[in-house]
Every structure is written in structure tokens, then in C-alpha cells.
Amino acid sequence: MEPICVIKDIYKTLYQFEKDFLDAYELTINEAMLLCCLKDGECKSAGLICDFIGLSNSRVSKIITSVEDKCLINRTICKEDKRQMIFELSETGKTKVAQMMTAELQIESLFEKLTECMKRD
């Protein structure tokens, strides 16, 4: 199979996984990664969240706003640097993280499907 077709199949598989994840948890994968970044209970700056998720500042800013709109995180002004915002999980966010931590995400099934994509001729 041509490499571009393999990439298409991989993308479709990942898209379906994210769609199923969204249906189950009412969160995108990126929103879930943001919550995962904050699950240790420590406040984090937007820059640290960007580093954790691996996306651009502008994209993470949109994700932060989305998660904030869902009341899953709290934003406060950093005491040391009033120009900087820091983020932490809200009580609702902690509940959502606990729900996701105990869930079966079907990761093995995802890997099997991705492996199948790579084997197609």
C-alpha cells in the first residue's frame, strides 16, 4: 500500500478513537491531556502545560479556555509574577480525572488497529 494511504488509515483510526473518547467523556484528547497535566494537584503555568501537551501556545490557550468553560480548572494570578496565570483542577475537574483514571480506554484495541493499518498491502 502506498505510504499516503497508510497515513490516511492511521489518521482515520486515531480520529475514530478520539471521537469515541469525546462521546464517552465529553472531552477531547487534548482537553484530557491538560487535565492529566494538572492531576498531581500542583498549579501550573500555561507554559508548563504547553510543554506537557506538546502543542503551540495559541492552541493550548484555546484548550485552556475550553476546559475552563467546562468548569474543570481554576485560573488564578501567580503571586510571584502578577503577569502570569496559573491553573489547577477544580473539584469538578478532580472528579472528571478520577472517572477517566478508572475507565477502560481500549488502548490495546487501538494499538491492534494501528498495527493492522501498518500491515496492509
PDB file of N, CA and C in Angstrom:
ATOM      1  N   MET A   1       0.844  -1.173   0.000  1.00  0.00           N
ATOM      2  CA  MET A   1       0.000   0.000   0.000  1.00  0.00           C
ATOM      3  C   MET A   1       0.891   1.238   0.000  1.00  0.00           C
ATOM      4  N   GLU A   2       0.460   2.250  -0.692  1.00  0.00           N
ATOM      5  CA  GLU A   2       1.226   3.490  -0.750  1.00  0.00           C
ATOM      6  C   GLU A   2       1.267   4.142   0.629  1.00  0.00           C
ATOM      7  N   PRO A   3       2.411   4.748   0.965  1.00  0.00           N
ATOM      8  CA  PRO A   3       2.548   5.362   2.294  1.00  0.00           C
ATOM      9  C   PRO A   3       1.436   6.365   2.626  1.00  0.00           C
ATOM     10  N   ILE A   4       1.006   7.143   1.656  1.00  0.00           N
ATOM     11  CA  ILE A   4      -0.036   8.130   1.938  1.00  0.00           C
ATOM     12  C   ILE A   4      -1.342   7.447   2.341  1.00  0.00           C
ATOM     13  N   CYS A   5      -1.610   6.291   1.775  1.00  0.00           N
ATOM     14  CA  CYS A   5      -2.822   5.544   2.144  1.00  0.00           C
ATOM     15  C   CYS A   5      -2.710   4.990   3.563  1.00  0.00           C
ATOM     16  N   VAL A   6      -1.509   4.569   3.940  1.00  0.00           N
ATOM     17  CA  VAL A   6      -1.286   4.090   5.307  1.00  0.00           C
ATOM     18  C   VAL A   6      -1.521   5.239   6.284  1.00  0.00           C
ATOM     19  N   ILE A   7      -0.984   6.412   5.953  1.00  0.00           N
ATOM     20  CA  ILE A   7      -1.177   7.582   6.813  1.00  0.00           C
ATOM     21  C   ILE A   7      -2.661   7.904   6.938  1.00  0.00           C
ATOM     22  N   LYS A   8      -3.392   7.818   5.832  1.00  0.00           N
ATOM     23  CA  LYS A   8      -4.835   8.080   5.851  1.00  0.00           C
ATOM     24  C   LYS A   8      -5.532   7.106   6.788  1.00  0.00           C
ATOM     25  N   ASP A   9      -5.189   5.830   6.701  1.00  0.00           N
ATOM     26  CA  ASP A   9      -5.812   4.819   7.557  1.00  0.00           C
ATOM     27  C   ASP A   9      -5.465   5.031   9.035  1.00  0.00           C
ATOM     28  N   ILE A  10      -4.223   5.410   9.302  1.00  0.00           N
ATOM     29  CA  ILE A  10      -3.819   5.705  10.681  1.00  0.00           C
ATOM     30  C   ILE A  10      -4.618   6.898  11.205  1.00  0.00           C
ATOM     31  N   TYR A  11      -4.718   7.940  10.400  1.00  0.00           N
ATOM     32  CA  TYR A  11      -5.465   9.129  10.797  1.00  0.00           C
ATOM     33  C   TYR A  11      -6.925   8.787  11.081  1.00  0.00           C
ATOM     34  N   LYS A  12      -7.534   7.988  10.208  1.00  0.00           N
ATOM     35  CA  LYS A  12      -8.933   7.600  10.408  1.00  0.00           C
ATOM     36  C   LYS A  12      -9.108   6.809  11.704  1.00  0.00           C
ATOM     37  N   THR A  13      -8.167   5.933  12.002  1.00  0.00           N
ATOM     38  CA  THR A  13      -8.224   5.134  13.228  1.00  0.00           C
ATOM     39  C   THR A  13      -8.114   6.029  14.460  1.00  0.00           C
ATOM     40  N   LEU A  14      -7.163   6.959  14.433  1.00  0.00           N
ATOM     41  CA  LEU A  14      -6.998   7.879  15.558  1.00  0.00           C
ATOM     42  C   LEU A  14      -8.199   8.812  15.697  1.00  0.00           C
ATOM     43  N   TYR A  15      -8.740   9.252  14.560  1.00  0.00           N
ATOM     44  CA  TYR A  15      -9.926  10.107  14.579  1.00  0.00           C
ATOM     45  C   TYR A  15     -11.096   9.381  15.241  1.00  0.00           C
ATOM     46  N   GLN A  16     -11.294   8.124  14.891  1.00  0.00           N
ATOM     47  CA  GLN A  16     -12.392   7.355  15.479  1.00  0.00           C
ATOM     48  C   GLN A  16     -12.177   7.164  16.983  1.00  0.00           C
ATOM     49  N   PHE A  17     -10.922   6.919  17.383  1.00  0.00           N
ATOM     50  CA  PHE A  17     -10.619   6.780  18.809  1.00  0.00           C
ATOM     51  C   PHE A  17     -10.959   8.072  19.551  1.00  0.00           C
ATOM     52  N   GLU A  18     -10.540   9.215  18.994  1.00  0.00           N
ATOM     53  CA  GLU A  18     -10.830  10.493  19.653  1.00  0.00           C
ATOM     54  C   GLU A  18     -12.330  10.764  19.686  1.00  0.00           C
ATOM     55  N   LYS A  19     -13.034  10.413  18.621  1.00  0.00           N
ATOM     56  CA  LYS A  19     -14.490  10.599  18.581  1.00  0.00           C
ATOM     57  C   LYS A  19     -15.163   9.753  19.662  1.00  0.00           C
ATOM     58  N   ASP A  20     -14.751   8.503  19.796  1.00  0.00           N
ATOM     59  CA  ASP A  20     -15.299   7.626  20.833  1.00  0.00           C
ATOM     60  C   ASP A  20     -14.974   8.161  22.231  1.00  0.00           C
ATOM     61  N   PHE A  21     -13.752   8.681  22.394  1.00  0.00           N
ATOM     62  CA  PHE A  21     -13.332   9.269  23.666  1.00  0.00           C
ATOM     63  C   PHE A  21     -14.205  10.478  23.996  1.00  0.00           C
ATOM     64  N   LEU A  22     -14.436  11.328  23.011  1.00  0.00           N
ATOM     65  CA  LEU A  22     -15.283  12.509  23.190  1.00  0.00           C
ATOM     66  C   LEU A  22     -16.703  12.113  23.583  1.00  0.00           C
ATOM     67  N   ASP A  23     -17.235  11.104  22.920  1.00  0.00           N
ATOM     68  CA  ASP A  23     -18.586  10.624  23.245  1.00  0.00           C
ATOM     69  C   ASP A  23     -18.658  10.091  24.678  1.00  0.00           C
ATOM     70  N   ALA A  24     -17.616   9.406  25.102  1.00  0.00           N
ATOM     71  CA  ALA A  24     -17.617   8.782  26.429  1.00  0.00           C
ATOM     72  C   ALA A  24     -17.388   9.779  27.562  1.00  0.00           C
ATOM     73  N   TYR A  25     -16.495  10.750  27.351  1.00  0.00           N
ATOM     74  CA  TYR A  25     -16.068  11.629  28.446  1.00  0.00           C
ATOM     75  C   TYR A  25     -16.412  13.101  28.257  1.00  0.00           C
ATOM     76  N   GLU A  26     -16.972  13.446  27.111  1.00  0.00           N
ATOM     77  CA  GLU A  26     -17.295  14.835  26.786  1.00  0.00           C
ATOM     78  C   GLU A  26     -16.053  15.724  26.854  1.00  0.00           C
ATOM     79  N   LEU A  27     -14.917  15.153  26.467  1.00  0.00           N
ATOM     80  CA  LEU A  27     -13.635  15.850  26.408  1.00  0.00           C
ATOM     81  C   LEU A  27     -12.890  15.403  25.165  1.00  0.00           C
ATOM     82  N   THR A  28     -12.129  16.319  24.584  1.00  0.00           N
ATOM     83  CA  THR A  28     -11.217  15.912  23.519  1.00  0.00           C
ATOM     84  C   THR A  28      -9.974  15.294  24.167  1.00  0.00           C
ATOM     85  N   ILE A  29      -9.171  14.643  23.361  1.00  0.00           N
ATOM     86  CA  ILE A  29      -7.915  14.079  23.876  1.00  0.00           C
ATOM     87  C   ILE A  29      -7.033  15.200  24.431  1.00  0.00           C
ATOM     88  N   ASN A  30      -6.959  16.337  23.740  1.00  0.00           N
ATOM     89  CA  ASN A  30      -6.136  17.445  24.218  1.00  0.00           C
ATOM     90  C   ASN A  30      -6.647  18.007  25.541  1.00  0.00           C
ATOM     91  N   GLU A  31      -7.964  18.091  25.699  1.00  0.00           N
ATOM     92  CA  GLU A  31      -8.518  18.539  26.978  1.00  0.00           C
ATOM     93  C   GLU A  31      -8.167  17.548  28.082  1.00  0.00           C
ATOM     94  N   ALA A  32      -8.240  16.272  27.770  1.00  0.00           N
ATOM     95  CA  ALA A  32      -7.884  15.240  28.747  1.00  0.00           C
ATOM     96  C   ALA A  32      -6.400  15.332  29.114  1.00  0.00           C
ATOM     97  N   MET A  33      -5.537  15.632  28.135  1.00  0.00           N
ATOM     98  CA  MET A  33      -4.111  15.773  28.415  1.00  0.00           C
ATOM     99  C   MET A  33      -3.853  16.955  29.344  1.00  0.00           C
ATOM    100  N   LEU A  34      -4.623  18.032  29.174  1.00  0.00           N
ATOM    101  CA  LEU A  34      -4.492  19.178  30.064  1.00  0.00           C
ATOM    102  C   LEU A  34      -4.861  18.775  31.497  1.00  0.00           C
ATOM    103  N   LEU A  35      -5.958  18.051  31.647  1.00  0.00           N
ATOM    104  CA  LEU A  35      -6.358  17.583  32.979  1.00  0.00           C
ATOM    105  C   LEU A  35      -5.306  16.641  33.557  1.00  0.00           C
ATOM    106  N   CYS A  36      -4.747  15.796  32.714  1.00  0.00           N
ATOM    107  CA  CYS A  36      -3.694  14.870  33.139  1.00  0.00           C
ATOM    108  C   CYS A  36      -2.476  15.644  33.656  1.00  0.00           C
ATOM    109  N   CYS A  37      -2.157  16.737  32.994  1.00  0.00           N
ATOM    110  CA  CYS A  37      -1.034  17.579  33.404  1.00  0.00           C
ATOM    111  C   CYS A  37      -1.246  18.129  34.814  1.00  0.00           C
ATOM    112  N   LEU A  38      -2.488  18.418  35.154  1.00  0.00           N
ATOM    113  CA  LEU A  38      -2.804  19.035  36.446  1.00  0.00           C
ATOM    114  C   LEU A  38      -3.189  18.033  37.531  1.00  0.00           C
ATOM    115  N   LYS A  39      -3.243  16.759  37.196  1.00  0.00           N
ATOM    116  CA  LYS A  39      -3.775  15.764  38.140  1.00  0.00           C
ATOM    117  C   LYS A  39      -2.919  15.570  39.387  1.00  0.00           C
ATOM    118  N   ASP A  40      -1.676  16.011  39.362  1.00  0.00           N
ATOM    119  CA  ASP A  40      -0.817  15.855  40.543  1.00  0.00           C
ATOM    120  C   ASP A  40      -1.155  16.849  41.648  1.00  0.00           C
ATOM    121  N   GLY A  41      -2.092  17.768  41.379  1.00  0.00           N
ATOM    122  CA  GLY A  41      -2.532  18.714  42.392  1.00  0.00           C
ATOM    123  C   GLY A  41      -1.731  19.997  42.452  1.00  0.00           C
ATOM    124  N   GLU A  42      -0.672  20.089  41.663  1.00  0.00           N
ATOM    125  CA  GLU A  42       0.144  21.301  41.653  1.00  0.00           C
ATOM    126  C   GLU A  42      -0.378  22.280  40.612  1.00  0.00           C
ATOM    127  N   CYS A  43      -0.328  23.570  40.950  1.00  0.00           N
ATOM    128  CA  CYS A  43      -0.698  24.607  39.987  1.00  0.00           C
ATOM    129  C   CYS A  43       0.381  24.685  38.914  1.00  0.00           C
ATOM    130  N   LYS A  44      -0.051  24.946  37.683  1.00  0.00           N
ATOM    131  CA  LYS A  44       0.902  25.018  36.570  1.00  0.00           C
ATOM    132  C   LYS A  44       0.606  26.245  35.712  1.00  0.00           C
ATOM    133  N   SER A  45       1.656  26.800  35.134  1.00  0.00           N
ATOM    134  CA  SER A  45       1.503  27.918  34.203  1.00  0.00           C
ATOM    135  C   SER A  45       1.117  27.384  32.827  1.00  0.00           C
ATOM    136  N   ALA A  46       0.655  28.290  31.979  1.00  0.00           N
ATOM    137  CA  ALA A  46       0.308  27.903  30.610  1.00  0.00           C
ATOM    138  C   ALA A  46       1.533  27.350  29.883  1.00  0.00           C
ATOM    139  N   GLY A  47       2.702  27.918  30.154  1.00  0.00           N
ATOM    140  CA  GLY A  47       3.927  27.435  29.521  1.00  0.00           C
ATOM    141  C   GLY A  47       4.245  25.994  29.881  1.00  0.00           C
ATOM    142  N   LEU A  48       4.083  25.649  31.147  1.00  0.00           N
ATOM    143  CA  LEU A  48       4.323  24.261  31.572  1.00  0.00           C
ATOM    144  C   LEU A  48       3.296  23.317  30.954  1.00  0.00           C
ATOM    145  N   ILE A  49       2.060  23.785  30.850  1.00  0.00           N
ATOM    146  CA  ILE A  49       1.019  22.969  30.222  1.00  0.00           C
ATOM    147  C   ILE A  49       1.355  22.748  28.748  1.00  0.00           C
ATOM    148  N   CYS A  50       1.823  23.799  28.067  1.00  0.00           N
ATOM    149  CA  CYS A  50       2.240  23.672  26.656  1.00  0.00           C
ATOM    150  C   CYS A  50       3.332  22.622  26.504  1.00  0.00           C
ATOM    151  N   ASP A  51       4.326  22.693  27.380  1.00  0.00           N
ATOM    152  CA  ASP A  51       5.427  21.727  27.318  1.00  0.00           C
ATOM    153  C   ASP A  51       4.922  20.304  27.518  1.00  0.00           C
ATOM    154  N   PHE A  52       3.995  20.117  28.446  1.00  0.00           N
ATOM    155  CA  PHE A  52       3.457  18.793  28.737  1.00  0.00           C
ATOM    156  C   PHE A  52       2.666  18.245  27.551  1.00  0.00           C
ATOM    157  N   ILE A  53       1.785  19.082  27.001  1.00  0.00           N
ATOM    158  CA  ILE A  53       0.915  18.621  25.917  1.00  0.00           C
ATOM    159  C   ILE A  53       1.661  18.559  24.586  1.00  0.00           C
ATOM    160  N   GLY A  54       2.610  19.466  24.387  1.00  0.00           N
ATOM    161  CA  GLY A  54       3.386  19.461  23.155  1.00  0.00           C
ATOM    162  C   GLY A  54       2.728  20.197  22.004  1.00  0.00           C
ATOM    163  N   LEU A  55       1.915  21.189  22.325  1.00  0.00           N
ATOM    164  CA  LEU A  55       1.250  21.985  21.295  1.00  0.00           C
ATOM    165  C   LEU A  55       1.680  23.444  21.426  1.00  0.00           C
ATOM    166  N   SER A  56       1.318  24.250  20.445  1.00  0.00           N
ATOM    167  CA  SER A  56       1.678  25.666  20.453  1.00  0.00           C
ATOM    168  C   SER A  56       0.944  26.417  21.560  1.00  0.00           C
ATOM    169  N   ASN A  57       1.487  27.584  21.919  1.00  0.00           N
ATOM    170  CA  ASN A  57       0.856  28.421  22.939  1.00  0.00           C
ATOM    171  C   ASN A  57      -0.572  28.787  22.553  1.00  0.00           C
ATOM    172  N   SER A  58      -0.777  29.148  21.295  1.00  0.00           N
ATOM    173  CA  SER A  58      -2.117  29.569  20.875  1.00  0.00           C
ATOM    174  C   SER A  58      -3.112  28.415  20.945  1.00  0.00           C
ATOM    175  N   ARG A  59      -2.690  27.222  20.565  1.00  0.00           N
ATOM    176  CA  ARG A  59      -3.588  26.060  20.621  1.00  0.00           C
ATOM    177  C   ARG A  59      -3.909  25.695  22.071  1.00  0.00           C
ATOM    178  N   VAL A  60      -2.901  25.717  22.934  1.00  0.00           N
ATOM    179  CA  VAL A  60      -3.131  25.396  24.344  1.00  0.00           C
ATOM    180  C   VAL A  60      -4.021  26.455  24.992  1.00  0.00           C
ATOM    181  N   SER A  61      -3.875  27.704  24.579  1.00  0.00           N
ATOM    182  CA  SER A  61      -4.745  28.758  25.099  1.00  0.00           C
ATOM    183  C   SER A  61      -6.213  28.450  24.807  1.00  0.00           C
ATOM    184  N   LYS A  62      -6.495  27.964  23.610  1.00  0.00           N
ATOM    185  CA  LYS A  62      -7.868  27.588  23.247  1.00  0.00           C
ATOM    186  C   LYS A  62      -8.347  26.390  24.072  1.00  0.00           C
ATOM    187  N   ILE A  63      -7.455  25.439  24.304  1.00  0.00           N
ATOM    188  CA  ILE A  63      -7.809  24.258  25.100  1.00  0.00           C
ATOM    189  C   ILE A  63      -8.077  24.672  26.550  1.00  0.00           C
ATOM    190  N   ILE A  64      -7.242  25.554  27.088  1.00  0.00           N
ATOM    191  CA  ILE A  64      -7.446  26.052  28.452  1.00  0.00           C
ATOM    192  C   ILE A  64      -8.813  26.719  28.563  1.00  0.00           C
ATOM    193  N   THR A  65      -9.139  27.577  27.605  1.00  0.00           N
ATOM    194  CA  THR A  65     -10.436  28.259  27.618  1.00  0.00           C
ATOM    195  C   THR A  65     -11.579  27.257  27.570  1.00  0.00           C
ATOM    196  N   SER A  66     -11.449  26.253  26.725  1.00  0.00           N
ATOM    197  CA  SER A  66     -12.488  25.230  26.598  1.00  0.00           C
ATOM    198  C   SER A  66     -12.689  24.468  27.908  1.00  0.00           C
ATOM    199  N   VAL A  67     -11.597  24.063  28.538  1.00  0.00           N
ATOM    200  CA  VAL A  67     -11.675  23.306  29.790  1.00  0.00           C
ATOM    201  C   VAL A  67     -12.170  24.207  30.927  1.00  0.00           C
ATOM    202  N   GLU A  68     -11.772  25.459  30.873  1.00  0.00           N
ATOM    203  CA  GLU A  68     -12.245  26.430  31.865  1.00  0.00           C
ATOM    204  C   GLU A  68     -13.756  26.650  31.723  1.00  0.00           C
ATOM    205  N   ASP A  69     -14.235  26.731  30.480  1.00  0.00           N
ATOM    206  CA  ASP A  69     -15.674  26.886  30.222  1.00  0.00           C
ATOM    207  C   ASP A  69     -16.477  25.696  30.743  1.00  0.00           C
ATOM    208  N   LYS A  70     -15.838  24.533  30.808  1.00  0.00           N
ATOM    209  CA  LYS A  70     -16.493  23.329  31.338  1.00  0.00           C
ATOM    210  C   LYS A  70     -16.356  23.238  32.862  1.00  0.00           C
ATOM    211  N   CYS A  71     -15.769  24.287  33.464  1.00  0.00           N
ATOM    212  CA  CYS A  71     -15.582  24.377  34.931  1.00  0.00           C
ATOM    213  C   CYS A  71     -14.703  23.256  35.480  1.00  0.00           C
ATOM    214  N   LEU A  72     -13.731  22.804  34.682  1.00  0.00           N
ATOM    215  CA  LEU A  72     -12.856  21.717  35.118  1.00  0.00           C
ATOM    216  C   LEU A  72     -11.535  22.212  35.701  1.00  0.00           C
ATOM    217  N   ILE A  73     -11.208  23.491  35.451  1.00  0.00           N
ATOM    218  CA  ILE A  73      -9.989  24.078  36.006  1.00  0.00           C
ATOM    219  C   ILE A  73     -10.301  25.462  36.567  1.00  0.00           C
ATOM    220  N   ASN A  74      -9.420  25.907  37.454  1.00  0.00           N
ATOM    221  CA  ASN A  74      -9.492  27.261  38.007  1.00  0.00           C
ATOM    222  C   ASN A  74      -8.259  28.025  37.567  1.00  0.00           C
ATOM    223  N   ARG A  75      -8.451  29.298  37.285  1.00  0.00           N
ATOM    224  CA  ARG A  75      -7.365  30.193  36.879  1.00  0.00           C
ATOM    225  C   ARG A  75      -7.141  31.199  38.006  1.00  0.00           C
ATOM    226  N   THR A  76      -5.895  31.365  38.391  1.00  0.00           N
ATOM    227  CA  THR A  76      -5.556  32.382  39.387  1.00  0.00           C
ATOM    228  C   THR A  76      -4.312  33.132  38.925  1.00  0.00           C
ATOM    229  N   ILE A  77      -4.115  34.305  39.510  1.00  0.00           N
ATOM    230  CA  ILE A  77      -2.930  35.101  39.196  1.00  0.00           C
ATOM    231  C   ILE A  77      -1.787  34.618  40.084  1.00  0.00           C
ATOM    232  N   CYS A  78      -0.636  34.428  39.468  1.00  0.00           N
ATOM    233  CA  CYS A  78       0.557  33.982  40.195  1.00  0.00           C
ATOM    234  C   CYS A  78       0.960  35.051  41.214  1.00  0.00           C
ATOM    235  N   LYS A  79       1.211  34.642  42.437  1.00  0.00           N
ATOM    236  CA  LYS A  79       1.577  35.592  43.493  1.00  0.00           C
ATOM    237  C   LYS A  79       2.954  36.210  43.252  1.00  0.00           C
ATOM    238  N   GLU A  80       3.879  35.426  42.679  1.00  0.00           N
ATOM    239  CA  GLU A  80       5.239  35.915  42.443  1.00  0.00           C
ATOM    240  C   GLU A  80       5.334  36.823  41.217  1.00  0.00           C
ATOM    241  N   ASP A  81       4.514  36.553  40.211  1.00  0.00           N
ATOM    242  CA  ASP A  81       4.547  37.322  38.962  1.00  0.00           C
ATOM    243  C   ASP A  81       3.106  37.591  38.542  1.00  0.00           C
ATOM    244  N   LYS A  82       2.635  38.785  38.838  1.00  0.00           N
ATOM    245  CA  LYS A  82       1.227  39.139  38.603  1.00  0.00           C
ATOM    246  C   LYS A  82       0.833  39.088  37.124  1.00  0.00           C
ATOM    247  N   ARG A  83       1.807  39.014  36.233  1.00  0.00           N
ATOM    248  CA  ARG A  83       1.501  38.920  34.796  1.00  0.00           C
ATOM    249  C   ARG A  83       1.153  37.500  34.377  1.00  0.00           C
ATOM    250  N   GLN A  84       1.465  36.553  35.215  1.00  0.00           N
ATOM    251  CA  GLN A  84       1.311  35.141  34.846  1.00  0.00           C
ATOM    252  C   GLN A  84       0.080  34.518  35.501  1.00  0.00           C
ATOM    253  N   MET A  85      -0.634  33.731  34.707  1.00  0.00           N
ATOM    254  CA  MET A  85      -1.775  32.979  35.209  1.00  0.00           C
ATOM    255  C   MET A  85      -1.317  31.560  35.532  1.00  0.00           C
ATOM    256  N   ILE A  86      -1.888  31.000  36.584  1.00  0.00           N
ATOM    257  CA  ILE A  86      -1.624  29.602  36.903  1.00  0.00           C
ATOM    258  C   ILE A  86      -2.959  28.867  36.976  1.00  0.00           C
ATOM    259  N   PHE A  87      -2.897  27.578  36.740  1.00  0.00           N
ATOM    260  CA  PHE A  87      -4.109  26.771  36.616  1.00  0.00           C
ATOM    261  C   PHE A  87      -4.026  25.562  37.532  1.00  0.00           C
ATOM    262  N   GLU A  88      -5.189  25.176  38.043  1.00  0.00           N
ATOM    263  CA  GLU A  88      -5.306  23.974  38.863  1.00  0.00           C
ATOM    264  C   GLU A  88      -6.663  23.343  38.593  1.00  0.00           C
ATOM    265  N   LEU A  89      -6.780  22.073  38.928  1.00  0.00           N
ATOM    266  CA  LEU A  89      -8.058  21.388  38.760  1.00  0.00           C
ATOM    267  C   LEU A  89      -9.085  21.940  39.736  1.00  0.00           C
ATOM    268  N   SER A  90     -10.308  22.119  39.256  1.00  0.00           N
ATOM    269  CA  SER A  90     -11.428  22.435  40.139  1.00  0.00           C
ATOM    270  C   SER A  90     -11.906  21.121  40.761  1.00  0.00           C
ATOM    271  N   GLU A  91     -12.851  21.197  41.663  1.00  0.00           N
ATOM    272  CA  GLU A  91     -13.407  19.968  42.238  1.00  0.00           C
ATOM    273  C   GLU A  91     -14.061  19.120  41.147  1.00  0.00           C
ATOM    274  N   THR A  92     -14.754  19.789  40.221  1.00  0.00           N
ATOM    275  CA  THR A  92     -15.369  19.070  39.095  1.00  0.00           C
ATOM    276  C   THR A  92     -14.291  18.411  38.241  1.00  0.00           C
ATOM    277  N   GLY A  93     -13.174  19.118  38.041  1.00  0.00           N
ATOM    278  CA  GLY A  93     -12.060  18.569  37.280  1.00  0.00           C
ATOM    279  C   GLY A  93     -11.444  17.357  37.953  1.00  0.00           C
ATOM    280  N   LYS A  94     -11.313  17.417  39.274  1.00  0.00           N
ATOM    281  CA  LYS A  94     -10.767  16.275  40.020  1.00  0.00           C
ATOM    282  C   LYS A  94     -11.673  15.055  39.870  1.00  0.00           C
ATOM    283  N   THR A  95     -12.974  15.295  39.890  1.00  0.00           N
ATOM    284  CA  THR A  95     -13.934  14.199  39.708  1.00  0.00           C
ATOM    285  C   THR A  95     -13.809  13.606  38.306  1.00  0.00           C
ATOM    286  N   LYS A  96     -13.667  14.470  37.303  1.00  0.00           N
ATOM    287  CA  LYS A  96     -13.537  14.010  35.911  1.00  0.00           C
ATOM    288  C   LYS A  96     -12.259  13.192  35.741  1.00  0.00           C
ATOM    289  N   VAL A  97     -11.160  13.651  36.332  1.00  0.00           N
ATOM    290  CA  VAL A  97      -9.893  12.911  36.247  1.00  0.00           C
ATOM    291  C   VAL A  97     -10.040  11.546  36.912  1.00  0.00           C
ATOM    292  N   ALA A  98     -10.661  11.509  38.078  1.00  0.00           N
ATOM    293  CA  ALA A  98     -10.859  10.232  38.775  1.00  0.00           C
ATOM    294  C   ALA A  98     -11.690   9.282  37.916  1.00  0.00           C
ATOM    295  N   GLN A  99     -12.704   9.811  37.251  1.00  0.00           N
ATOM    296  CA  GLN A  99     -13.544   8.997  36.355  1.00  0.00           C
ATOM    297  C   GLN A  99     -12.705   8.424  35.213  1.00  0.00           C
ATOM    298  N   MET A 100     -11.875   9.254  34.612  1.00  0.00           N
ATOM    299  CA  MET A 100     -11.052   8.794  33.487  1.00  0.00           C
ATOM    300  C   MET A 100      -9.976   7.808  33.936  1.00  0.00           C
ATOM    301  N   MET A 101      -9.443   7.985  35.144  1.00  0.00           N
ATOM    302  CA  MET A 101      -8.373   7.110  35.630  1.00  0.00           C
ATOM    303  C   MET A 101      -8.865   5.681  35.852  1.00  0.00           C
ATOM    304  N   THR A 102     -10.141   5.524  36.135  1.00  0.00           N
ATOM    305  CA  THR A 102     -10.683   4.189  36.388  1.00  0.00           C
ATOM    306  C   THR A 102     -11.339   3.581  35.148  1.00  0.00           C
ATOM    307  N   ALA A 103     -11.346   4.325  34.060  1.00  0.00           N
ATOM    308  CA  ALA A 103     -12.036   3.869  32.850  1.00  0.00           C
ATOM    309  C   ALA A 103     -11.156   2.942  32.013  1.00  0.00           C
ATOM    310  N   GLU A 104     -11.808   2.115  31.251  1.00  0.00           N
ATOM    311  CA  GLU A 104     -11.132   1.241  30.282  1.00  0.00           C
ATOM    312  C   GLU A 104     -11.089   1.999  28.956  1.00  0.00           C
ATOM    313  N   LEU A 105      -9.901   2.375  28.520  1.00  0.00           N
ATOM    314  CA  LEU A 105      -9.767   3.205  27.320  1.00  0.00           C
ATOM    315  C   LEU A 105      -9.592   2.420  26.026  1.00  0.00           C
ATOM    316  N   GLN A 106      -9.541   1.115  26.102  1.00  0.00           N
ATOM    317  CA  GLN A 106      -9.388   0.290  24.902  1.00  0.00           C
ATOM    318  C   GLN A 106      -8.083   0.603  24.151  1.00  0.00           C
ATOM    319  N   ILE A 107      -7.017   0.863  24.892  1.00  0.00           N
ATOM    320  CA  ILE A 107      -5.723   1.183  24.284  1.00  0.00           C
ATOM    321  C   ILE A 107      -5.192   0.001  23.476  1.00  0.00           C
ATOM    322  N   GLU A 108      -5.336  -1.204  24.001  1.00  0.00           N
ATOM    323  CA  GLU A 108      -4.844  -2.381  23.270  1.00  0.00           C
ATOM    324  C   GLU A 108      -5.554  -2.518  21.931  1.00  0.00           C
ATOM    325  N   SER A 109      -6.846  -2.260  21.924  1.00  0.00           N
ATOM    326  CA  SER A 109      -7.612  -2.323  20.684  1.00  0.00           C
ATOM    327  C   SER A 109      -7.119  -1.266  19.696  1.00  0.00           C
ATOM    328  N   LEU A 110      -6.819  -0.071  20.205  1.00  0.00           N
ATOM    329  CA  LEU A 110      -6.291   0.991  19.348  1.00  0.00           C
ATOM    330  C   LEU A 110      -4.963   0.559  18.734  1.00  0.00           C
ATOM    331  N   PHE A 111      -4.059   0.012  19.535  1.00  0.00           N
ATOM    332  CA  PHE A 111      -2.765  -0.441  19.017  1.00  0.00           C
ATOM    333  C   PHE A 111      -2.934  -1.546  17.978  1.00  0.00           C
ATOM    334  N   GLU A 112      -3.872  -2.445  18.218  1.00  0.00           N
ATOM    335  CA  GLU A 112      -4.128  -3.510  17.242  1.00  0.00           C
ATOM    336  C   GLU A 112      -4.592  -2.921  15.910  1.00  0.00           C
ATOM    337  N   LYS A 113      -5.488  -1.957  15.971  1.00  0.00           N
ATOM    338  CA  LYS A 113      -5.990  -1.326  14.744  1.00  0.00           C
ATOM    339  C   LYS A 113      -4.882  -0.571  14.022  1.00  0.00           C
ATOM    340  N   LEU A 114      -4.031   0.127  14.787  1.00  0.00           N
ATOM    341  CA  LEU A 114      -2.922   0.851  14.166  1.00  0.00           C
ATOM    342  C   LEU A 114      -1.921  -0.118  13.543  1.00  0.00           C
ATOM    343  N   THR A 115      -1.651  -1.219  14.220  1.00  0.00           N
ATOM    344  CA  THR A 115      -0.754  -2.241  13.675  1.00  0.00           C
ATOM    345  C   THR A 115      -1.325  -2.813  12.388  1.00  0.00           C
ATOM    346  N   GLU A 116      -2.624  -3.041  12.373  1.00  0.00           N
ATOM    347  CA  GLU A 116      -3.298  -3.546  11.168  1.00  0.00           C
ATOM    348  C   GLU A 116      -3.124  -2.567  10.010  1.00  0.00           C
ATOM    349  N   CYS A 117      -3.231  -1.281  10.298  1.00  0.00           N
ATOM    350  CA  CYS A 117      -3.037  -0.261   9.257  1.00  0.00           C
ATOM    351  C   CYS A 117      -1.643  -0.369   8.647  1.00  0.00           C
ATOM    352  N   MET A 118      -0.656  -0.620   9.490  1.00  0.00           N
ATOM    353  CA  MET A 118       0.733  -0.690   9.028  1.00  0.00           C
ATOM    354  C   MET A 118       1.001  -1.943   8.200  1.00  0.00           C
ATOM    355  N   LYS A 119       0.214  -3.000   8.403  1.00  0.00           N
ATOM    356  CA  LYS A 119       0.437  -4.271   7.712  1.00  0.00           C
ATOM    357  C   LYS A 119      -0.279  -4.365   6.373  1.00  0.00           C
ATOM    358  N   ARG A 120      -1.212  -3.485   6.114  1.00  0.00           N
ATOM    359  CA  ARG A 120      -1.997  -3.580   4.877  1.00  0.00           C
ATOM    360  C   ARG A 120      -1.112  -3.393   3.654  1.00  0.00           C
ATOM    361  N   ASP A 121      -1.396  -4.192   2.669  1.00  0.00           N
ATOM    362  CA  ASP A 121      -0.615  -4.100   1.411  1.00  0.00           C
ATOM    363  C   ASP A 121      -1.366  -3.321   0.381  1.00  0.00           C
TER     364      ASP A 121
END
